[in-house]
PDB file of N, CA and C in Angstrom:
ATOM      1  N   MET A   1      10.774   6.462  10.974  1.00  0.00           N
ATOM      2  CA  MET A   1       9.987   6.018  10.617  1.00  0.00           C
ATOM      3  C   MET A   1       8.309   5.526  11.251  1.00  0.00           C
ATOM      4  N   ALA A   2       8.124   6.003  10.325  1.00  0.00           N
ATOM      5  CA  ALA A   2       6.473   5.359  11.045  1.00  0.00           C
ATOM      6  C   ALA A   2       5.983   4.643   9.705  1.00  0.00           C
ATOM      7  N   SER A   3       4.971   3.894  10.775  1.00  0.00           N
ATOM      8  CA  SER A   3       4.571   2.732  10.090  1.00  0.00           C
ATOM      9  C   SER A   3       2.848   2.148  10.467  1.00  0.00           C
ATOM     10  N   LEU A   4       2.508   1.757   9.844  1.00  0.00           N
ATOM     11  CA  LEU A   4       0.575   1.528  10.338  1.00  0.00           C
ATOM     12  C   LEU A   4      -0.604   1.749   9.902  1.00  0.00           C
ATOM     13  N   GLY A   5      -1.170   1.800   9.337  1.00  0.00           N
ATOM     14  CA  GLY A   5      -2.211   2.654   8.728  1.00  0.00           C
ATOM     15  C   GLY A   5      -2.318   3.614   7.640  1.00  0.00           C
ATOM     16  N   PHE A   6      -1.059   3.924   7.450  1.00  0.00           N
ATOM     17  CA  PHE A   6      -1.000   4.879   6.175  1.00  0.00           C
ATOM     18  C   PHE A   6      -1.859   4.878   5.330  1.00  0.00           C
ATOM     19  N   SER A   7      -2.626   6.295   4.787  1.00  0.00           N
ATOM     20  CA  SER A   7      -3.156   6.497   3.745  1.00  0.00           C
ATOM     21  C   SER A   7      -1.240   7.019   2.904  1.00  0.00           C
ATOM     22  N   HIS A   8      -2.043   7.489   1.120  1.00  0.00           N
ATOM     23  CA  HIS A   8      -0.812   8.134   0.753  1.00  0.00           C
ATOM     24  C   HIS A   8      -1.067   9.970   1.302  1.00  0.00           C
ATOM     25  N   ALA A   9      -2.217   9.781   1.384  1.00  0.00           N
ATOM     26  CA  ALA A   9      -2.215  10.894   1.924  1.00  0.00           C
ATOM     27  C   ALA A   9      -2.285  11.882   3.406  1.00  0.00           C
ATOM     28  N   SER A  10      -1.986  10.744   4.565  1.00  0.00           N
ATOM     29  CA  SER A  10      -1.748  11.145   5.669  1.00  0.00           C
ATOM     30  C   SER A  10      -0.141  10.329   5.692  1.00  0.00           C
ATOM     31  N   GLY A  11       0.460  10.041   4.954  1.00  0.00           N
ATOM     32  CA  GLY A  11       1.545   9.861   4.817  1.00  0.00           C
ATOM     33  C   GLY A  11       2.282  10.672   4.487  1.00  0.00           C
ATOM     34  N   ASN A  12       2.372  11.539   3.738  1.00  0.00           N
ATOM     35  CA  ASN A  12       2.375  12.753   2.877  1.00  0.00           C
ATOM     36  C   ASN A  12       2.384  13.834   3.993  1.00  0.00           C
ATOM     37  N   GLU A  13       1.511  13.926   4.275  1.00  0.00           N
ATOM     38  CA  GLU A  13       1.145  14.662   5.552  1.00  0.00           C
ATOM     39  C   GLU A  13       2.195  14.319   6.771  1.00  0.00           C
ATOM     40  N   ILE A  14       2.638  13.864   7.258  1.00  0.00           N
ATOM     41  CA  ILE A  14       3.731  13.245   7.953  1.00  0.00           C
ATOM     42  C   ILE A  14       4.715  14.132   7.901  1.00  0.00           C
ATOM     43  N   LEU A  15       5.118  13.217   6.910  1.00  0.00           N
ATOM     44  CA  LEU A  15       6.208  14.057   5.966  1.00  0.00           C
ATOM     45  C   LEU A  15       6.106  15.651   6.236  1.00  0.00           C
ATOM     46  N   VAL A  16       5.646  15.891   5.597  1.00  0.00           N
ATOM     47  CA  VAL A  16       5.141  16.975   5.586  1.00  0.00           C
ATOM     48  C   VAL A  16       5.968  17.979   6.840  1.00  0.00           C
ATOM     49  N   LYS A  17       5.158  17.790   7.729  1.00  0.00           N
ATOM     50  CA  LYS A  17       4.968  17.891   9.708  1.00  0.00           C
ATOM     51  C   LYS A  17       6.043  17.925   9.884  1.00  0.00           C
ATOM     52  N   GLY A  18       6.889  17.451   9.549  1.00  0.00           N
ATOM     53  CA  GLY A  18       8.658  16.764   9.927  1.00  0.00           C
ATOM     54  C   GLY A  18       8.603  15.943  11.490  1.00  0.00           C
ATOM     55  N   ASN A  19       7.406  15.609  11.303  1.00  0.00           N
ATOM     56  CA  ASN A  19       7.166  13.941  12.202  1.00  0.00           C
ATOM     57  C   ASN A  19       8.338  12.446  12.250  1.00  0.00           C
ATOM     58  N   ALA A  20       8.028  12.641  10.636  1.00  0.00           N
ATOM     59  CA  ALA A  20       9.229  11.417  10.193  1.00  0.00           C
ATOM     60  C   ALA A  20       9.399  11.671   9.026  1.00  0.00           C
ATOM     61  N   ASP A  21      10.718  10.445   8.842  1.00  0.00           N
ATOM     62  CA  ASP A  21      11.469  10.766   7.610  1.00  0.00           C
ATOM     63  C   ASP A  21      11.426   9.848   6.290  1.00  0.00           C
ATOM     64  N   LEU A  22      10.477   9.016   6.830  1.00  0.00           N
ATOM     65  CA  LEU A  22      10.076   7.329   6.227  1.00  0.00           C
ATOM     66  C   LEU A  22       8.747   7.561   6.366  1.00  0.00           C
ATOM     67  N   VAL A  23       8.181   7.006   6.041  1.00  0.00           N
ATOM     68  CA  VAL A  23       6.330   6.080   5.742  1.00  0.00           C
ATOM     69  C   VAL A  23       6.922   4.713   4.913  1.00  0.00           C
ATOM     70  N   SER A  24       6.168   3.507   6.009  1.00  0.00           N
ATOM     71  CA  SER A  24       6.733   2.511   5.286  1.00  0.00           C
ATOM     72  C   SER A  24       4.765   2.554   5.544  1.00  0.00           C
ATOM     73  N   PHE A  25       4.841   1.368   4.064  1.00  0.00           N
ATOM     74  CA  PHE A  25       3.289   1.002   3.582  1.00  0.00           C
ATOM     75  C   PHE A  25       3.236  -0.598   3.522  1.00  0.00           C
ATOM     76  N   GLY A  26       3.255  -1.328   4.337  1.00  0.00           N
ATOM     77  CA  GLY A  26       3.431  -3.281   4.787  1.00  0.00           C
ATOM     78  C   GLY A  26       2.097  -3.361   3.785  1.00  0.00           C
ATOM     79  N   THR A  27       0.899  -3.681   4.209  1.00  0.00           N
ATOM     80  CA  THR A  27      -0.585  -4.252   4.038  1.00  0.00           C
ATOM     81  C   THR A  27      -0.258  -3.636   2.412  1.00  0.00           C
ATOM     82  N   PRO A  28      -0.685  -2.215   2.269  1.00  0.00           N
ATOM     83  CA  PRO A  28      -0.698  -1.892   0.945  1.00  0.00           C
ATOM     84  C   PRO A  28       0.335  -2.361   0.216  1.00  0.00           C
ATOM     85  N   PHE A  29       0.938  -2.540   0.060  1.00  0.00           N
ATOM     86  CA  PHE A  29       1.994  -3.442  -0.799  1.00  0.00           C
ATOM     87  C   PHE A  29       1.354  -4.963  -1.286  1.00  0.00           C
ATOM     88  N   VAL A  30       0.902  -5.888  -0.113  1.00  0.00           N
ATOM     89  CA  VAL A  30       0.437  -6.661  -0.498  1.00  0.00           C
ATOM     90  C   VAL A  30      -0.832  -6.134  -1.492  1.00  0.00           C
ATOM     91  N   ALA A  31      -1.364  -6.056  -1.348  1.00  0.00           N
ATOM     92  CA  ALA A  31      -2.667  -5.739  -2.282  1.00  0.00           C
ATOM     93  C   ALA A  31      -1.912  -5.128  -3.696  1.00  0.00           C
ATOM     94  N   ASN A  32      -1.316  -4.185  -3.696  1.00  0.00           N
ATOM     95  CA  ASN A  32      -0.755  -2.879  -4.761  1.00  0.00           C
ATOM     96  C   ASN A  32       0.751  -3.863  -5.359  1.00  0.00           C
ATOM     97  N   PRO A  33       1.181  -4.613  -5.329  1.00  0.00           N
ATOM     98  CA  PRO A  33       2.540  -4.524  -6.528  1.00  0.00           C
ATOM     99  C   PRO A  33       2.708  -3.174  -7.284  1.00  0.00           C
ATOM    100  N   ASP A  34       1.994  -2.658  -7.416  1.00  0.00           N
ATOM    101  CA  ASP A  34       2.435  -1.176  -8.037  1.00  0.00           C
ATOM    102  C   ASP A  34       1.448  -0.220  -7.318  1.00  0.00           C
ATOM    103  N   LEU A  35       1.917   0.005  -6.220  1.00  0.00           N
ATOM    104  CA  LEU A  35       1.967   0.726  -4.954  1.00  0.00           C
ATOM    105  C   LEU A  35       2.280   2.866  -5.746  1.00  0.00           C
ATOM    106  N   VAL A  36       3.845   2.417  -5.711  1.00  0.00           N
ATOM    107  CA  VAL A  36       4.127   3.727  -5.960  1.00  0.00           C
ATOM    108  C   VAL A  36       3.326   3.863  -6.965  1.00  0.00           C
ATOM    109  N   GLU A  37       3.091   3.833  -7.920  1.00  0.00           N
ATOM    110  CA  GLU A  37       2.785   3.773  -8.843  1.00  0.00           C
ATOM    111  C   GLU A  37       1.001   4.550  -9.012  1.00  0.00           C
ATOM    112  N   ARG A  38       0.821   4.009  -8.306  1.00  0.00           N
ATOM    113  CA  ARG A  38      -1.336   4.360  -8.265  1.00  0.00           C
ATOM    114  C   ARG A  38      -0.701   5.100  -7.332  1.00  0.00           C
ATOM    115  N   PHE A  39      -0.022   5.720  -6.563  1.00  0.00           N
ATOM    116  CA  PHE A  39       0.434   7.630  -5.439  1.00  0.00           C
ATOM    117  C   PHE A  39       0.665   7.827  -6.720  1.00  0.00           C
ATOM    118  N   GLN A  40       1.580   8.226  -7.341  1.00  0.00           N
ATOM    119  CA  GLN A  40       2.039   8.361  -7.946  1.00  0.00           C
ATOM    120  C   GLN A  40       0.858   9.163  -9.067  1.00  0.00           C
ATOM    121  N   ARG A  41      -0.105   8.991  -9.554  1.00  0.00           N
ATOM    122  CA  ARG A  41      -0.941   8.382 -10.115  1.00  0.00           C
ATOM    123  C   ARG A  41      -2.007   8.982 -10.022  1.00  0.00           C
ATOM    124  N   ASP A  42      -2.118   8.938  -8.510  1.00  0.00           N
ATOM    125  CA  ASP A  42      -3.445   9.527  -7.707  1.00  0.00           C
ATOM    126  C   ASP A  42      -4.793   7.961  -8.146  1.00  0.00           C
ATOM    127  N   ILE A  43      -4.157   6.551  -8.567  1.00  0.00           N
ATOM    128  CA  ILE A  43      -5.236   5.778  -8.497  1.00  0.00           C
ATOM    129  C   ILE A  43      -5.338   5.220  -7.006  1.00  0.00           C
ATOM    130  N   VAL A  44      -6.768   4.615  -6.911  1.00  0.00           N
ATOM    131  CA  VAL A  44      -7.075   4.517  -5.561  1.00  0.00           C
ATOM    132  C   VAL A  44      -6.132   2.748  -5.475  1.00  0.00           C
ATOM    133  N   PRO A  45      -5.835   2.735  -4.411  1.00  0.00           N
ATOM    134  CA  PRO A  45      -5.035   1.043  -4.263  1.00  0.00           C
ATOM    135  C   PRO A  45      -6.671   0.355  -3.822  1.00  0.00           C
ATOM    136  N   ALA A  46      -6.186  -0.978  -4.328  1.00  0.00           N
ATOM    137  CA  ALA A  46      -7.141  -1.903  -4.409  1.00  0.00           C
ATOM    138  C   ALA A  46      -7.132  -2.486  -2.690  1.00  0.00           C
ATOM    139  N   VAL A  47      -7.993  -3.042  -2.183  1.00  0.00           N
ATOM    140  CA  VAL A  47      -7.937  -3.602  -1.000  1.00  0.00           C
ATOM    141  C   VAL A  47      -7.560  -4.492  -0.355  1.00  0.00           C
ATOM    142  N   PRO A  48      -6.673  -4.996   0.747  1.00  0.00           N
ATOM    143  CA  PRO A  48      -5.995  -6.647   0.464  1.00  0.00           C
ATOM    144  C   PRO A  48      -7.723  -7.041   0.860  1.00  0.00           C
ATOM    145  N   ASP A  49      -7.847  -8.125   1.246  1.00  0.00           N
ATOM    146  CA  ASP A  49      -7.843  -9.687   1.282  1.00  0.00           C
ATOM    147  C   ASP A  49      -7.257 -10.961   2.966  1.00  0.00           C
ATOM    148  N   THR A  50      -7.603  -9.612   4.339  1.00  0.00           N
ATOM    149  CA  THR A  50      -6.993  -9.892   5.095  1.00  0.00           C
ATOM    150  C   THR A  50      -7.019 -11.383   5.849  1.00  0.00           C
ATOM    151  N   SER A  51      -8.273 -12.115   5.281  1.00  0.00           N
ATOM    152  CA  SER A  51      -8.527 -13.408   5.662  1.00  0.00           C
ATOM    153  C   SER A  51      -8.137 -14.433   4.217  1.00  0.00           C
ATOM    154  N   THR A  52      -7.052 -14.485   3.302  1.00  0.00           N
ATOM    155  CA  THR A  52      -5.849 -14.879   3.275  1.00  0.00           C
ATOM    156  C   THR A  52      -5.149 -14.984   4.034  1.00  0.00           C
ATOM    157  N   PHE A  53      -4.663 -13.619   4.487  1.00  0.00           N
ATOM    158  CA  PHE A  53      -3.190 -13.538   4.921  1.00  0.00           C
ATOM    159  C   PHE A  53      -2.731 -14.596   5.734  1.00  0.00           C
ATOM    160  N   TYR A  54      -1.916 -15.001   6.076  1.00  0.00           N
ATOM    161  CA  TYR A  54      -0.644 -16.312   6.451  1.00  0.00           C
ATOM    162  C   TYR A  54      -1.494 -17.343   6.226  1.00  0.00           C
ATOM    163  N   SER A  55      -2.517 -17.741   5.209  1.00  0.00           N
ATOM    164  CA  SER A  55      -3.464 -18.595   5.070  1.00  0.00           C
ATOM    165  C   SER A  55      -2.259 -20.371   4.057  1.00  0.00           C
ATOM    166  N   GLY A  56      -1.060 -19.493   3.874  1.00  0.00           N
ATOM    167  CA  GLY A  56       0.063 -21.111   3.549  1.00  0.00           C
ATOM    168  C   GLY A  56      -0.150 -20.605   2.131  1.00  0.00           C
ATOM    169  N   GLY A  57      -1.167 -20.130   1.279  1.00  0.00           N
ATOM    170  CA  GLY A  57      -1.049 -20.534  -0.174  1.00  0.00           C
ATOM    171  C   GLY A  57      -0.739 -18.961  -0.791  1.00  0.00           C
ATOM    172  N   ALA A  58      -0.774 -18.824  -1.853  1.00  0.00           N
ATOM    173  CA  ALA A  58      -0.667 -18.189  -2.984  1.00  0.00           C
ATOM    174  C   ALA A  58      -1.354 -16.640  -2.719  1.00  0.00           C
ATOM    175  N   ALA A  59      -3.176 -17.713  -3.029  1.00  0.00           N
ATOM    176  CA  ALA A  59      -4.339 -16.461  -2.822  1.00  0.00           C
ATOM    177  C   ALA A  59      -3.855 -15.489  -2.014  1.00  0.00           C
ATOM    178  N   GLY A  60      -4.007 -14.075  -2.248  1.00  0.00           N
ATOM    179  CA  GLY A  60      -3.408 -13.215  -2.051  1.00  0.00           C
ATOM    180  C   GLY A  60      -2.773 -12.755  -1.684  1.00  0.00           C
ATOM    181  N   TYR A  61      -1.826 -13.404  -2.322  1.00  0.00           N
ATOM    182  CA  TYR A  61      -0.428 -12.426  -1.769  1.00  0.00           C
ATOM    183  C   TYR A  61      -0.060 -12.201  -3.292  1.00  0.00           C
ATOM    184  N   THR A  62      -0.324 -13.432  -4.331  1.00  0.00           N
ATOM    185  CA  THR A  62       0.422 -12.945  -6.167  1.00  0.00           C
ATOM    186  C   THR A  62      -0.695 -12.675  -6.856  1.00  0.00           C
ATOM    187  N   ASP A  63      -2.337 -13.072  -6.261  1.00  0.00           N
ATOM    188  CA  ASP A  63      -2.931 -12.753  -7.245  1.00  0.00           C
ATOM    189  C   ASP A  63      -3.465 -11.326  -7.356  1.00  0.00           C
ATOM    190  N   TYR A  64      -2.955 -10.361  -6.878  1.00  0.00           N
ATOM    191  CA  TYR A  64      -3.777  -9.514  -6.939  1.00  0.00           C
ATOM    192  C   TYR A  64      -2.838  -8.327  -8.580  1.00  0.00           C
ATOM    193  N   PRO A  65      -4.186  -7.772  -9.553  1.00  0.00           N
ATOM    194  CA  PRO A  65      -3.390  -7.125 -10.517  1.00  0.00           C
ATOM    195  C   PRO A  65      -2.981  -5.835 -10.098  1.00  0.00           C
ATOM    196  N   VAL A  66      -2.074  -5.297 -11.249  1.00  0.00           N
ATOM    197  CA  VAL A  66      -1.344  -3.540 -11.355  1.00  0.00           C
ATOM    198  C   VAL A  66      -2.728  -2.942 -11.967  1.00  0.00           C
ATOM    199  N   ALA A  67      -3.139  -1.552 -11.653  1.00  0.00           N
ATOM    200  CA  ALA A  67      -3.882  -0.734 -11.980  1.00  0.00           C
ATOM    201  C   ALA A  67      -4.026  -1.483 -13.797  1.00  0.00           C
ATOM    202  N   THR A  68      -5.020  -1.265 -14.659  1.00  0.00           N
ATOM    203  CA  THR A  68      -5.024  -1.196 -16.013  1.00  0.00           C
ATOM    204  C   THR A  68      -5.084   0.468 -16.614  1.00  0.00           C
ATOM    205  N   THR A  69      -5.131   1.195 -15.606  1.00  0.00           N
ATOM    206  CA  THR A  69      -4.559   2.723 -15.965  1.00  0.00           C
ATOM    207  C   THR A  69      -3.330   2.852 -16.131  1.00  0.00           C
ATOM    208  N   LEU A  70      -2.754   1.765 -15.418  1.00  0.00           N
ATOM    209  CA  LEU A  70      -1.048   2.414 -16.006  1.00  0.00           C
ATOM    210  C   LEU A  70      -0.512   2.629 -16.731  1.00  0.00           C
TER     211      LEU A  70
END
């Protein structure tokens, strides 16, 4: 399993090269509740607002919209 800092392209690359069987996308999922669909349709993922991480509120965790082109 590979994790930390992968994009759609770099995640696919490491899989194709056989250097991992699985790639995780933790932070990108925070800002993209629809990350799988974005990857499938080549939609640029939203950028997470890291200033809201671990802030104790809902901002930055539950307020990211899905892509409008889905």
